[in-house]
Amino acid sequence: MMKDPEARRAVLLLISRGTITVHEARLLAGVSRQLIHKWCRSTGIVPGKARNARITRAWKGALNERP
């Protein structure tokens, strides 16, 4: 299990950007989803919020693209 501070920092950064999901984060860091949620709670990050915003922007952009 990788619980080092660098892994935690990377997980929180990527989740806050909406780049990865909790499931992906736990696989990358080698920790439980519960620990990922604990890390997020401790820093005020809501995992799904950033991801949903990122996907919504991508969706709207795709709708506006011209072939």
C-alpha atoms as a PDB file:
ATOM      1  CA  MET A   1       0.000   0.000   0.000  1.00  0.00           C
ATOM      2  CA  MET A   2       1.331   3.403  -0.996  1.00  0.00           C
ATOM      3  CA  LYS A   3       0.376   5.990   1.624  1.00  0.00           C
ATOM      4  CA  ASP A   4       3.219   8.394   1.105  1.00  0.00           C
ATOM      5  CA  PRO A   5       2.567  12.151   1.018  1.00  0.00           C
ATOM      6  CA  GLU A   6       3.431  12.418  -2.692  1.00  0.00           C
ATOM      7  CA  ALA A   7       0.763   9.875  -3.634  1.00  0.00           C
ATOM      8  CA  ARG A   8      -1.791  11.681  -1.469  1.00  0.00           C
ATOM      9  CA  ARG A   9      -0.904  15.031  -3.009  1.00  0.00           C
ATOM     10  CA  ALA A  10      -1.130  13.633  -6.551  1.00  0.00           C
ATOM     11  CA  VAL A  11      -4.464  11.932  -5.875  1.00  0.00           C
ATOM     12  CA  LEU A  12      -5.978  15.082  -4.403  1.00  0.00           C
ATOM     13  CA  LEU A  13      -4.686  17.237  -7.249  1.00  0.00           C
ATOM     14  CA  LEU A  14      -6.071  14.948  -9.951  1.00  0.00           C
ATOM     15  CA  ILE A  15      -9.424  14.462  -8.217  1.00  0.00           C
ATOM     16  CA  SER A  16      -9.804  18.212  -7.629  1.00  0.00           C
ATOM     17  CA  ARG A  17      -9.213  18.782 -11.361  1.00  0.00           C
ATOM     18  CA  GLY A  18     -11.777  16.129 -12.247  1.00  0.00           C
ATOM     19  CA  THR A  19      -9.114  14.190 -14.120  1.00  0.00           C
ATOM     20  CA  ILE A  20      -9.603  10.890 -12.286  1.00  0.00           C
ATOM     21  CA  THR A  21     -12.336   9.184 -10.308  1.00  0.00           C
ATOM     22  CA  VAL A  22     -12.055   7.816  -6.787  1.00  0.00           C
ATOM     23  CA  HIS A  23     -11.880   4.319  -8.264  1.00  0.00           C
ATOM     24  CA  GLU A  24      -9.000   5.280 -10.555  1.00  0.00           C
ATOM     25  CA  ALA A  25      -7.254   7.088  -7.691  1.00  0.00           C
ATOM     26  CA  ARG A  26      -7.407   4.059  -5.424  1.00  0.00           C
ATOM     27  CA  LEU A  27      -5.974   1.838  -8.129  1.00  0.00           C
ATOM     28  CA  LEU A  28      -3.132   4.261  -8.845  1.00  0.00           C
ATOM     29  CA  ALA A  29      -2.272   4.902  -5.197  1.00  0.00           C
ATOM     30  CA  GLY A  30      -2.868   1.344  -4.035  1.00  0.00           C
ATOM     31  CA  VAL A  31      -5.155   2.370  -1.182  1.00  0.00           C
ATOM     32  CA  SER A  32      -8.820   1.866  -0.306  1.00  0.00           C
ATOM     33  CA  ARG A  33     -11.619   4.040  -1.635  1.00  0.00           C
ATOM     34  CA  GLN A  34     -12.444   4.855   1.981  1.00  0.00           C
ATOM     35  CA  LEU A  35      -8.973   6.351   2.458  1.00  0.00           C
ATOM     36  CA  ILE A  36      -9.350   8.388  -0.746  1.00  0.00           C
ATOM     37  CA  HIS A  37     -12.676   9.752   0.555  1.00  0.00           C
ATOM     38  CA  LYS A  38     -11.061  10.529   3.930  1.00  0.00           C
ATOM     39  CA  TRP A  39      -8.262  12.463   2.191  1.00  0.00           C
ATOM     40  CA  CYS A  40     -10.830  14.384   0.147  1.00  0.00           C
ATOM     41  CA  ARG A  41     -12.969  15.217   3.181  1.00  0.00           C
ATOM     42  CA  SER A  42      -9.936  16.477   5.081  1.00  0.00           C
ATOM     43  CA  THR A  43      -9.208  19.014   2.342  1.00  0.00           C
ATOM     44  CA  GLY A  44     -12.791  19.932   1.421  1.00  0.00           C
ATOM     45  CA  ILE A  45     -12.712  18.270  -1.996  1.00  0.00           C
ATOM     46  CA  VAL A  46     -15.973  16.792  -3.286  1.00  0.00           C
ATOM     47  CA  PRO A  47     -14.781  14.123  -5.741  1.00  0.00           C
ATOM     48  CA  GLY A  48     -17.771  13.977  -8.067  1.00  0.00           C
ATOM     49  CA  LYS A  49     -18.221  17.734  -8.307  1.00  0.00           C
ATOM     50  CA  ALA A  50     -15.078  18.511 -10.302  1.00  0.00           C
ATOM     51  CA  ARG A  51     -15.514  15.411 -12.452  1.00  0.00           C
ATOM     52  CA  ASN A  52     -19.103  16.316 -13.328  1.00  0.00           C
ATOM     53  CA  ALA A  53     -18.108  19.882 -14.206  1.00  0.00           C
ATOM     54  CA  ARG A  54     -15.290  18.635 -16.433  1.00  0.00           C
ATOM     55  CA  ILE A  55     -17.554  16.158 -18.230  1.00  0.00           C
ATOM     56  CA  THR A  56     -20.286  18.789 -18.653  1.00  0.00           C
ATOM     57  CA  ARG A  57     -17.786  21.205 -20.255  1.00  0.00           C
ATOM     58  CA  ALA A  58     -16.536  18.458 -22.564  1.00  0.00           C
ATOM     59  CA  TRP A  59     -20.096  17.516 -23.513  1.00  0.00           C
ATOM     60  CA  LYS A  60     -21.081  21.109 -24.306  1.00  0.00           C
ATOM     61  CA  GLY A  61     -17.894  21.566 -26.301  1.00  0.00           C
ATOM     62  CA  ALA A  62     -18.598  18.419 -28.305  1.00  0.00           C
ATOM     63  CA  LEU A  63     -22.152  19.591 -29.039  1.00  0.00           C
ATOM     64  CA  ASN A  64     -20.820  22.890 -30.370  1.00  0.00           C
ATOM     65  CA  GLU A  65     -18.098  21.370 -32.572  1.00  0.00           C
ATOM     66  CA  ARG A  66     -18.575  21.445 -36.282  1.00  0.00           C
ATOM     67  CA  PRO A  67     -17.478  18.421 -38.323  1.00  0.00           C
END
